[in-house]
Amino acid sequence: MLTFFIILPRTQFPLWNAFAGKGAATGSIAERVEPGKAVSIEQSSAVAFRAETQQIDSDGLYWRCVVFNSYTSGAWVRVPPPPGESGTVGPGNRAAQTIYSEPGKLRYLPALDPPLQILAGRAATSGDLVTRQTVGASHRTRYEAISIPGDTIISRTAIDRQFYLRLPPNLPPRLAKVAGEIGIRGKDDWERLSLARDFFTSSNIRYATTNLPTGRGHLDRFLFDDKKGHCEYFAASLALIMRRAGVPARVVGGYYGGTYNELGGYYVVSDAMAHAWTEIFINGKGWKRVDPSQWSTGFTDINVNRDKGLLRRISILADTLAYYWNATIITYDLGSQLRLSQNAGELLRKDNIFNRLSKVTRWLAPSLGAIILIYFLTRIRKTNLDSRIAMRFIRLSGYASPPMGKGILDIAAEWENENAQRFAHIYCSAIYKDRCISEAEHRELNSILRRLKAHK
């Protein structure tokens, strides 16, 4: 019998991610954009999130997270946007997304740029269309988003131009000189942006993630000496140039690209796809997305994976199985999960899991399907034991079945007993790490249950 792990109620953690690895931490979007801080950028293949949506042209695969609107002490940071600011998305075709983010410190929720609406629990959206979770995101979460992919955000109200033109007095000198010339030569926002683009493209700056300029004057060296840098260098430099030239600008942090899983109908976005770009305010149009990294040499196709070999196909299969498992059970509470574990066959038929797996296993060699089946059976045996020991604790606590809206920790708190608290600690420490309970832990849990029975 297929049995699910048991977790705390009203959570959005998948019970088992058998193929995606154990507790892989997401490289979250940082709270600041600070080029010149590190000599190289670490590239991680860990999954940041998966997004179930229609297939999008590669040029539109910008996943917007957070806006950095203030430059101070060599870094772009986020401060509260001006009060009353309100943005919206222009007309176009809507793209609905169901997004599953991996465990990490991701407080800003990504969605295809620009987002029209993000529907998530315990989250708030500001006037610049940034949605931030109001609690930590140390576990997987699921939310819905609606976007109208494009490159412009329309302002419902007049923007505070002075806010988006603020600059410290100590700008990099050569950058400031170029920006001043652009401001004088350009007659309007469009023309100044065009002149800035001409400057970048004529400078032949390379896109690089190693041997980056650091320390004092790193942006000047990036533009005029080393002429190589990461997306943060391009986005930060362009935003400074535009502000110095009299055009409102801000830096955006998010992700660019994604690998589309045709079996599952979703994008996989990894930490390595974290990206920064710039939004420039064009008078009469709105905030226009401008990615100056596209003006470099060596940036094109950095996120395209065209490997069609067997290993690639196996990885797609593995990710598809993990995704469907997570998507199937991710929203169930404690009681629902235990009830579903007693009727798993009906659940799988209801959610067409067997049909999906049949499609997947036909796609690969039958031997691979056998290997996967063995893995499933091994895990099922172990998780069945976990489910049974949880039910013994629940019944010993006076409940005939899992109480609605309560989890193991809630039930343990009702005992006001150290043994019950110890049981909950051991049990949840394993479940929160997406692993089965070890044999030693099972022995201790059984011993605790005996003591609790005697105490009662």
Protein backbone atom coordinates (compact mmCIF):
# COMPACT_ATOMS: atom_id res chain seq x y z
CA MET A 1 0.00 0.00 0.00
CA LEU A 2 1.30 3.41 -0.94
CA THR A 3 1.74 5.54 2.18
CA PHE A 4 2.63 9.20 2.47
CA PHE A 5 4.85 10.96 4.94
CA ILE A 6 2.94 12.97 7.56
CA ILE A 7 3.64 16.62 8.07
CA LEU A 8 2.20 19.53 9.98
CA PRO A 9 -1.20 20.85 8.86
CA ARG A 10 -1.78 23.71 6.45
CA THR A 11 1.75 23.46 5.12
CA GLN A 12 2.94 23.42 1.54
CA PHE A 13 5.84 21.00 1.85
CA PRO A 14 6.01 18.00 -0.49
CA LEU A 15 6.25 14.80 1.49
CA TRP A 16 8.82 13.18 -0.73
CA ASN A 17 11.16 14.47 -3.38
CA ALA A 18 12.75 11.19 -4.28
CA PHE A 19 14.64 12.33 -7.32
CA ALA A 20 15.45 15.98 -6.74
CA GLY A 21 17.88 15.38 -3.89
CA LYS A 22 17.75 15.81 -0.15
CA GLY A 23 17.32 19.29 1.28
CA ALA A 24 18.94 21.14 -1.57
CA ALA A 25 19.09 24.80 -0.55
CA THR A 26 17.99 27.37 -3.05
CA GLY A 27 20.42 30.13 -3.92
CA SER A 28 18.02 32.90 -3.12
CA ILE A 29 17.79 36.31 -4.70
CA ALA A 30 19.97 38.55 -2.54
CA GLU A 31 18.72 41.58 -0.62
CA ARG A 32 21.08 43.83 -2.60
CA VAL A 33 22.92 44.05 -5.90
CA GLU A 34 26.55 44.70 -5.10
CA PRO A 35 28.94 44.13 -8.00
CA GLY A 36 32.61 44.22 -7.08
CA LYS A 37 32.07 42.19 -3.92
CA ALA A 38 33.31 38.85 -5.27
CA VAL A 39 35.88 37.90 -7.88
CA SER A 40 33.67 35.11 -9.25
CA ILE A 41 30.05 34.01 -9.30
CA GLU A 42 29.24 30.49 -8.10
CA GLN A 43 27.15 28.56 -10.59
CA SER A 44 24.70 26.14 -8.96
CA SER A 45 22.53 23.66 -10.81
CA ALA A 46 20.14 23.31 -7.84
CA VAL A 47 16.49 23.93 -8.69
CA ALA A 48 15.10 27.28 -7.53
CA PHE A 49 11.50 26.69 -8.62
CA ARG A 50 9.28 24.96 -11.15
CA ALA A 51 6.50 26.76 -13.00
CA GLU A 52 3.63 24.96 -14.67
CA THR A 53 2.63 27.14 -17.60
CA GLN A 54 2.47 27.33 -21.37
CA GLN A 55 5.69 27.35 -23.36
CA ILE A 56 7.04 30.89 -23.75
CA ASP A 57 9.43 32.30 -26.32
CA SER A 58 12.95 32.34 -24.87
CA ASP A 59 13.10 36.13 -25.14
CA GLY A 60 10.18 36.36 -22.71
CA LEU A 61 11.58 34.07 -20.03
CA TYR A 62 12.23 36.78 -17.46
CA TRP A 63 11.02 35.86 -13.98
CA ARG A 64 10.65 39.08 -12.01
CA CYS A 65 11.23 38.98 -8.23
CA VAL A 66 12.38 42.21 -6.60
CA VAL A 67 13.10 45.85 -7.45
CA PHE A 68 16.20 47.59 -6.08
CA ASN A 69 15.34 51.27 -6.13
CA SER A 70 18.09 52.99 -4.14
CA TYR A 71 21.86 53.22 -4.65
CA THR A 72 24.02 53.64 -1.57
CA SER A 73 27.53 52.63 -0.47
CA GLY A 74 28.27 50.90 -3.75
CA ALA A 75 25.16 48.70 -3.75
CA TRP A 76 21.64 48.77 -5.10
CA VAL A 77 19.17 48.05 -2.28
CA ARG A 78 15.44 48.02 -1.81
CA VAL A 79 13.69 50.68 0.25
CA PRO A 80 9.92 51.22 0.44
CA PRO A 81 8.75 52.67 -2.89
CA PRO A 82 7.14 56.13 -2.88
CA PRO A 83 3.66 56.10 -1.31
CA GLY A 84 0.82 56.00 -3.79
CA GLU A 85 2.90 54.39 -6.52
CA SER A 86 0.82 51.94 -8.54
CA GLY A 87 1.76 49.91 -11.59
CA THR A 88 -0.21 47.68 -13.92
CA VAL A 89 0.39 45.54 -16.97
CA GLY A 90 -0.58 46.45 -20.49
CA PRO A 91 -2.96 44.49 -22.73
CA GLY A 92 -1.89 41.14 -24.13
CA ASN A 93 -2.22 37.39 -23.75
CA ARG A 94 -2.31 36.14 -20.20
CA ALA A 95 0.00 33.38 -18.99
CA ALA A 96 -1.23 31.55 -15.88
CA GLN A 97 1.42 29.88 -13.73
CA THR A 98 1.41 27.45 -10.84
CA ILE A 99 4.79 27.85 -9.19
CA TYR A 100 6.48 25.48 -6.74
CA SER A 101 9.53 27.03 -5.10
CA GLU A 102 12.23 24.92 -3.48
CA PRO A 103 13.30 25.36 0.15
CA GLY A 104 15.52 28.38 0.69
CA LYS A 105 15.41 32.00 1.74
CA LEU A 106 13.40 33.25 -1.20
CA ARG A 107 11.15 35.98 0.22
CA TYR A 108 10.32 37.57 -3.12
CA LEU A 109 8.04 35.45 -5.29
CA PRO A 110 9.06 35.11 -8.94
CA ALA A 111 6.58 35.26 -11.80
CA LEU A 112 6.84 35.86 -15.51
CA ASP A 113 7.60 39.50 -16.18
CA PRO A 114 5.52 41.53 -15.77
CA PRO A 115 3.12 39.96 -13.26
CA LEU A 116 -0.50 41.02 -13.30
CA GLN A 117 -1.38 39.19 -10.09
CA ILE A 118 0.30 36.81 -7.64
CA LEU A 119 -1.95 34.76 -5.38
CA ALA A 120 -0.05 33.48 -2.36
CA GLY A 121 -0.75 33.05 1.31
CA ARG A 122 1.01 35.31 3.78
CA ALA A 123 2.33 37.62 1.08
CA ALA A 124 1.90 41.27 0.16
CA THR A 125 2.32 43.07 -3.18
CA SER A 126 3.67 46.64 -3.37
CA GLY A 127 2.95 49.33 -5.93
CA ASP A 128 5.99 48.38 -8.02
CA LEU A 129 4.54 44.86 -8.47
CA VAL A 130 6.91 43.15 -6.06
CA THR A 131 5.33 40.37 -3.99
CA ARG A 132 7.07 39.56 -0.74
CA GLN A 133 6.32 36.76 1.68
CA THR A 134 5.65 38.10 5.14
CA VAL A 135 7.17 34.99 6.75
CA GLY A 136 10.33 33.03 6.01
CA ALA A 137 10.38 30.63 3.07
CA SER A 138 12.47 27.83 4.59
CA HIS A 139 10.23 25.19 3.05
CA ARG A 140 8.66 24.56 -0.34
CA THR A 141 5.72 26.76 -1.26
CA ARG A 142 3.09 26.75 -3.97
CA TYR A 143 1.32 29.77 -5.38
CA GLU A 144 -0.51 31.00 -8.47
CA ALA A 145 0.49 33.85 -10.75
CA ILE A 146 -0.97 35.56 -13.80
CA SER A 147 1.30 37.53 -16.11
CA ILE A 148 1.09 39.28 -19.44
CA PRO A 149 4.60 38.66 -20.79
CA GLY A 150 6.11 41.83 -22.17
CA ASP A 151 8.67 44.47 -21.38
CA THR A 152 6.64 47.39 -20.03
CA ILE A 153 4.89 48.20 -16.75
CA ILE A 154 2.38 51.02 -17.02
CA SER A 155 2.18 53.46 -14.11
CA ARG A 156 -1.35 54.20 -12.95
CA THR A 157 -0.07 57.28 -11.16
CA ALA A 158 2.69 59.77 -11.83
CA ILE A 159 6.01 58.47 -10.52
CA ASP A 160 8.21 60.34 -8.07
CA ARG A 161 10.96 61.23 -10.55
CA GLN A 162 13.24 62.68 -7.92
CA PHE A 163 13.11 59.42 -5.98
CA TYR A 164 14.23 57.46 -9.05
CA LEU A 165 16.95 59.98 -9.89
CA ARG A 166 18.67 60.00 -6.51
CA LEU A 167 22.42 59.44 -6.60
CA PRO A 168 25.27 59.71 -4.12
CA PRO A 169 27.93 62.37 -4.82
CA ASN A 170 30.78 59.91 -5.27
CA LEU A 171 29.89 58.19 -8.54
CA PRO A 172 32.66 56.38 -10.46
CA PRO A 173 34.28 59.32 -12.31
CA ARG A 174 34.51 57.91 -15.84
CA LEU A 175 30.99 56.46 -15.63
CA ALA A 176 29.69 59.85 -14.45
CA LYS A 177 31.42 61.63 -17.34
CA VAL A 178 29.86 59.35 -19.98
CA ALA A 179 26.45 59.65 -18.34
CA GLY A 180 26.71 63.45 -18.27
CA GLU A 181 27.47 63.52 -21.99
CA ILE A 182 24.49 61.26 -22.71
CA GLY A 183 22.26 63.57 -20.69
CA ILE A 184 23.40 66.58 -22.72
CA ARG A 185 23.19 64.94 -26.15
CA GLY A 186 19.91 63.10 -25.65
CA LYS A 187 16.77 65.15 -26.16
CA ASP A 188 14.36 62.75 -24.42
CA ASP A 189 14.26 59.47 -22.48
CA TRP A 190 14.25 57.29 -25.61
CA GLU A 191 17.20 59.04 -27.16
CA ARG A 192 19.24 58.88 -23.95
CA LEU A 193 18.54 55.17 -23.64
CA SER A 194 19.62 54.68 -27.25
CA LEU A 195 22.87 56.55 -26.60
CA ALA A 196 23.54 54.38 -23.54
CA ARG A 197 23.04 51.27 -25.63
CA ASP A 198 25.46 52.59 -28.26
CA PHE A 199 28.03 53.13 -25.53
CA PHE A 200 27.76 49.56 -24.24
CA THR A 201 27.75 47.89 -27.64
CA SER A 202 30.69 49.93 -28.94
CA SER A 203 32.69 49.12 -25.81
CA ASN A 204 32.75 45.37 -26.64
CA ILE A 205 32.25 44.29 -23.02
CA ARG A 206 32.30 40.54 -22.43
CA TYR A 207 29.91 38.63 -20.19
CA ALA A 208 31.90 36.72 -17.55
CA THR A 209 31.45 35.06 -14.17
CA THR A 210 35.12 34.72 -13.16
CA ASN A 211 38.04 37.11 -12.65
CA LEU A 212 35.65 39.99 -12.09
CA PRO A 213 36.81 43.50 -11.11
CA THR A 214 36.49 44.07 -7.37
CA GLY A 215 37.26 46.74 -4.81
CA ARG A 216 37.33 50.47 -5.23
CA GLY A 217 36.45 51.71 -8.73
CA HIS A 218 35.20 48.31 -9.91
CA LEU A 219 32.47 49.78 -12.15
CA ASP A 220 34.89 52.11 -13.91
CA ARG A 221 37.29 49.20 -14.47
CA PHE A 222 34.38 47.05 -15.70
CA LEU A 223 33.38 49.63 -18.32
CA PHE A 224 36.75 50.99 -19.40
CA ASP A 225 39.60 48.64 -18.42
CA ASP A 226 38.75 44.98 -17.78
CA LYS A 227 35.64 45.19 -19.97
CA LYS A 228 34.07 42.04 -18.60
CA GLY A 229 31.49 41.40 -15.94
CA HIS A 230 28.42 39.61 -14.68
CA CYS A 231 24.77 40.70 -15.06
CA GLU A 232 25.00 42.77 -11.84
CA TYR A 233 27.74 44.91 -13.37
CA PHE A 234 25.67 45.59 -16.49
CA ALA A 235 22.41 46.31 -14.66
CA ALA A 236 23.99 48.46 -11.94
CA SER A 237 26.06 50.47 -14.43
CA LEU A 238 23.17 51.15 -16.79
CA ALA A 239 20.88 52.26 -13.96
CA LEU A 240 23.54 54.70 -12.69
CA ILE A 241 24.20 56.05 -16.17
CA MET A 242 20.51 56.63 -16.83
CA ARG A 243 19.91 58.36 -13.50
CA ARG A 244 22.94 60.59 -14.02
CA ALA A 245 21.59 61.40 -17.50
CA GLY A 246 18.24 62.44 -16.02
CA VAL A 247 16.19 59.29 -16.75
CA PRO A 248 14.51 57.42 -13.85
CA ALA A 249 15.90 53.92 -13.49
CA ARG A 250 15.97 50.97 -11.09
CA VAL A 251 17.54 47.50 -10.94
CA VAL A 252 15.48 44.30 -10.97
CA GLY A 253 16.48 40.95 -9.53
CA GLY A 254 14.98 37.70 -10.77
CA TYR A 255 15.74 34.82 -13.11
CA TYR A 256 16.29 34.53 -16.83
CA GLY A 257 15.61 31.38 -18.82
CA GLY A 258 14.31 27.96 -17.93
CA THR A 259 14.32 24.40 -19.19
CA TYR A 260 10.89 23.38 -20.46
CA ASN A 261 9.81 19.87 -19.49
CA GLU A 262 7.50 18.81 -22.31
CA LEU A 263 6.44 15.68 -20.44
CA GLY A 264 5.18 17.64 -17.47
CA GLY A 265 4.34 20.96 -19.11
CA TYR A 266 6.43 23.09 -16.79
CA TYR A 267 9.67 25.07 -16.60
CA VAL A 268 12.56 24.16 -14.33
CA VAL A 269 14.50 27.26 -13.24
CA SER A 270 17.82 26.76 -11.46
CA ASP A 271 19.90 28.93 -9.17
CA ALA A 272 22.37 29.46 -12.01
CA MET A 273 19.64 31.38 -13.86
CA ALA A 274 19.45 34.11 -11.22
CA HIS A 275 19.77 37.37 -13.14
CA ALA A 276 19.66 41.14 -12.83
CA TRP A 277 18.43 43.68 -15.35
CA THR A 278 17.26 47.30 -15.45
CA GLU A 279 13.90 49.05 -15.72
CA ILE A 280 14.00 52.47 -17.36
CA PHE A 281 11.07 54.89 -17.12
CA ILE A 282 10.16 56.25 -20.54
CA ASN A 283 7.94 59.29 -20.24
CA GLY A 284 4.53 58.54 -21.74
CA LYS A 285 5.18 54.77 -21.88
CA GLY A 286 6.06 53.45 -18.44
CA TRP A 287 8.77 51.24 -16.96
CA LYS A 288 10.53 49.43 -19.78
CA ARG A 289 12.60 46.32 -19.16
CA VAL A 290 16.11 46.72 -20.53
CA ASP A 291 18.65 43.92 -20.14
CA PRO A 292 22.09 45.39 -20.85
CA SER A 293 23.67 41.94 -20.50
CA GLN A 294 22.15 41.27 -23.92
CA TRP A 295 24.45 43.97 -25.29
CA SER A 296 27.57 42.01 -24.30
CA THR A 297 29.48 39.32 -26.12
CA GLY A 298 29.08 35.80 -24.78
CA PHE A 299 25.66 36.17 -23.18
CA THR A 300 23.39 34.67 -25.85
CA ASP A 301 21.99 31.20 -25.25
CA ILE A 302 23.58 30.92 -21.79
CA ASN A 303 20.50 29.14 -20.45
CA VAL A 304 19.70 26.95 -23.44
CA ASN A 305 20.33 23.23 -22.95
CA ARG A 306 20.10 21.31 -26.20
CA ASP A 307 21.43 18.00 -24.88
CA LYS A 308 19.11 15.32 -26.23
CA GLY A 309 21.13 12.32 -25.07
CA LEU A 310 20.02 9.49 -22.80
CA LEU A 311 21.22 11.17 -19.59
CA ARG A 312 19.23 14.25 -20.46
CA ARG A 313 16.11 12.17 -21.02
CA ILE A 314 16.60 10.32 -17.75
CA SER A 315 16.92 13.61 -15.86
CA ILE A 316 13.68 14.85 -17.44
CA LEU A 317 11.92 11.65 -16.41
CA ALA A 318 13.21 11.87 -12.85
CA ASP A 319 12.19 15.50 -12.50
CA THR A 320 8.74 14.77 -13.95
CA LEU A 321 8.09 12.03 -11.41
CA ALA A 322 9.23 14.25 -8.54
CA TYR A 323 7.14 17.15 -9.81
CA TYR A 324 3.92 15.13 -10.11
CA TRP A 325 4.45 13.63 -6.69
CA ASN A 326 4.91 17.04 -5.11
CA ALA A 327 2.04 18.59 -7.05
CA THR A 328 -0.31 15.78 -6.06
CA ILE A 329 0.17 15.93 -2.28
CA ILE A 330 1.62 19.36 -1.61
CA THR A 331 -1.58 20.94 -0.25
CA TYR A 332 -2.99 18.16 1.88
CA ASP A 333 -3.15 18.58 5.67
CA LEU A 334 -2.28 15.90 8.21
CA GLY A 335 -5.69 14.23 8.30
CA SER A 336 -6.06 14.24 4.55
CA GLN A 337 -2.65 12.66 4.07
CA LEU A 338 -3.40 9.80 6.47
CA ARG A 339 -6.80 9.19 4.89
CA LEU A 340 -5.26 9.26 1.44
CA SER A 341 -2.60 6.78 2.51
CA GLN A 342 -5.40 4.29 3.25
CA ASN A 343 -6.87 4.71 -0.22
CA ALA A 344 -3.83 5.46 -2.36
CA GLY A 345 -5.05 3.53 -5.37
CA GLU A 346 -8.11 5.73 -5.73
CA LEU A 347 -5.95 8.83 -5.34
CA LEU A 348 -3.58 7.76 -8.09
CA ARG A 349 -6.45 6.91 -10.45
CA LYS A 350 -8.13 10.23 -9.65
CA ASP A 351 -5.00 12.22 -10.42
CA ASN A 352 -4.12 10.10 -13.48
CA ILE A 353 -0.69 9.40 -12.06
CA PHE A 354 -0.60 5.94 -13.62
CA ASN A 355 -1.46 7.39 -17.01
CA ARG A 356 1.30 9.95 -16.64
CA LEU A 357 3.82 7.38 -15.49
CA SER A 358 2.82 5.06 -18.32
CA LYS A 359 3.53 7.83 -20.78
CA VAL A 360 6.86 8.49 -19.12
CA THR A 361 7.97 4.86 -18.89
CA ARG A 362 7.06 4.25 -22.53
CA TRP A 363 9.32 7.15 -23.34
CA LEU A 364 12.35 5.38 -21.90
CA ALA A 365 13.60 1.83 -21.83
CA PRO A 366 11.51 -0.61 -19.78
CA SER A 367 14.53 -1.41 -17.63
CA LEU A 368 14.54 2.13 -16.30
CA GLY A 369 10.90 1.76 -15.33
CA ALA A 370 11.80 -1.39 -13.39
CA ILE A 371 14.55 0.44 -11.52
CA ILE A 372 12.12 3.21 -10.61
CA LEU A 373 9.50 0.68 -9.46
CA ILE A 374 12.02 -0.98 -7.14
CA TYR A 375 12.91 2.42 -5.70
CA PHE A 376 9.24 3.20 -5.14
CA LEU A 377 8.58 -0.12 -3.39
CA THR A 378 11.57 0.35 -1.10
CA ARG A 379 10.40 3.81 -0.08
CA ILE A 380 6.79 2.64 0.32
CA ARG A 381 7.81 -0.01 2.86
CA LYS A 382 9.73 2.53 4.92
CA THR A 383 7.09 5.27 4.80
CA ASN A 384 4.37 2.78 5.76
CA LEU A 385 6.17 2.28 9.08
CA ASP A 386 6.33 6.05 9.60
CA SER A 387 2.61 6.39 9.00
CA ARG A 388 1.76 3.60 11.43
CA ILE A 389 3.81 5.02 14.27
CA ALA A 390 2.21 8.44 13.76
CA MET A 391 -1.28 6.89 13.97
CA ARG A 392 -0.34 5.07 17.19
CA PHE A 393 0.66 8.41 18.73
CA ILE A 394 -2.54 10.09 17.51
CA ARG A 395 -4.79 7.35 18.93
CA LEU A 396 -2.87 7.26 22.19
CA SER A 397 -3.56 11.00 22.41
CA GLY A 398 -7.30 10.32 22.44
CA TYR A 399 -8.18 10.77 18.78
CA ALA A 400 -9.84 8.05 16.74
CA SER A 401 -8.57 9.70 13.56
CA PRO A 402 -6.28 12.64 12.73
CA PRO A 403 -7.95 15.81 14.07
CA MET A 404 -8.77 18.45 11.47
CA GLY A 405 -6.35 21.36 11.56
CA LYS A 406 -3.87 19.75 13.95
CA GLY A 407 -0.45 18.28 13.39
CA ILE A 408 1.95 16.19 15.44
CA LEU A 409 3.38 19.21 17.25
CA ASP A 410 -0.10 20.49 18.10
CA ILE A 411 -1.13 17.12 19.50
CA ALA A 412 2.11 16.78 21.48
CA ALA A 413 1.56 20.19 23.08
CA GLU A 414 -1.78 18.96 24.48
CA TRP A 415 0.01 16.30 26.54
CA GLU A 416 2.12 18.79 28.51
CA ASN A 417 4.60 15.96 28.81
CA GLU A 418 8.29 15.83 27.97
CA ASN A 419 7.98 12.39 26.33
CA ALA A 420 5.30 13.66 23.96
CA GLN A 421 7.43 16.67 23.09
CA ARG A 422 10.39 14.35 22.43
CA PHE A 423 8.25 12.19 20.13
CA ALA A 424 7.17 15.22 18.11
CA HIS A 425 10.75 16.53 17.89
CA ILE A 426 12.16 13.24 16.54
CA TYR A 427 9.28 12.65 14.16
CA CYS A 428 9.15 16.14 12.68
CA SER A 429 12.94 16.49 12.47
CA ALA A 430 12.91 13.59 10.01
CA ILE A 431 9.83 14.62 8.06
CA TYR A 432 10.93 18.24 7.61
CA LYS A 433 14.11 16.94 5.97
CA ASP A 434 12.14 14.80 3.51
CA ARG A 435 13.62 11.56 4.80
CA CYS A 436 12.36 8.36 6.34
CA ILE A 437 12.74 7.80 10.06
CA SER A 438 15.85 5.75 10.84
CA GLU A 439 15.76 2.39 12.62
CA ALA A 440 17.32 3.93 15.73
CA GLU A 441 14.69 6.68 15.72
CA HIS A 442 11.95 4.09 15.31
CA ARG A 443 13.22 2.24 18.38
CA GLU A 444 13.24 5.43 20.43
CA LEU A 445 9.79 6.45 19.21
CA ASN A 446 8.38 3.03 20.14
CA SER A 447 9.98 3.34 23.58
CA ILE A 448 8.40 6.78 24.03
CA LEU A 449 5.00 5.42 23.04
CA ARG A 450 5.30 2.72 25.71
CA ARG A 451 6.12 5.34 28.35
CA LEU A 452 3.24 7.55 27.23
CA LYS A 453 0.86 4.57 27.42
CA ALA A 454 2.02 3.80 30.95
CA HIS A 455 1.72 7.47 31.93
CA LYS A 456 -1.81 7.65 30.62
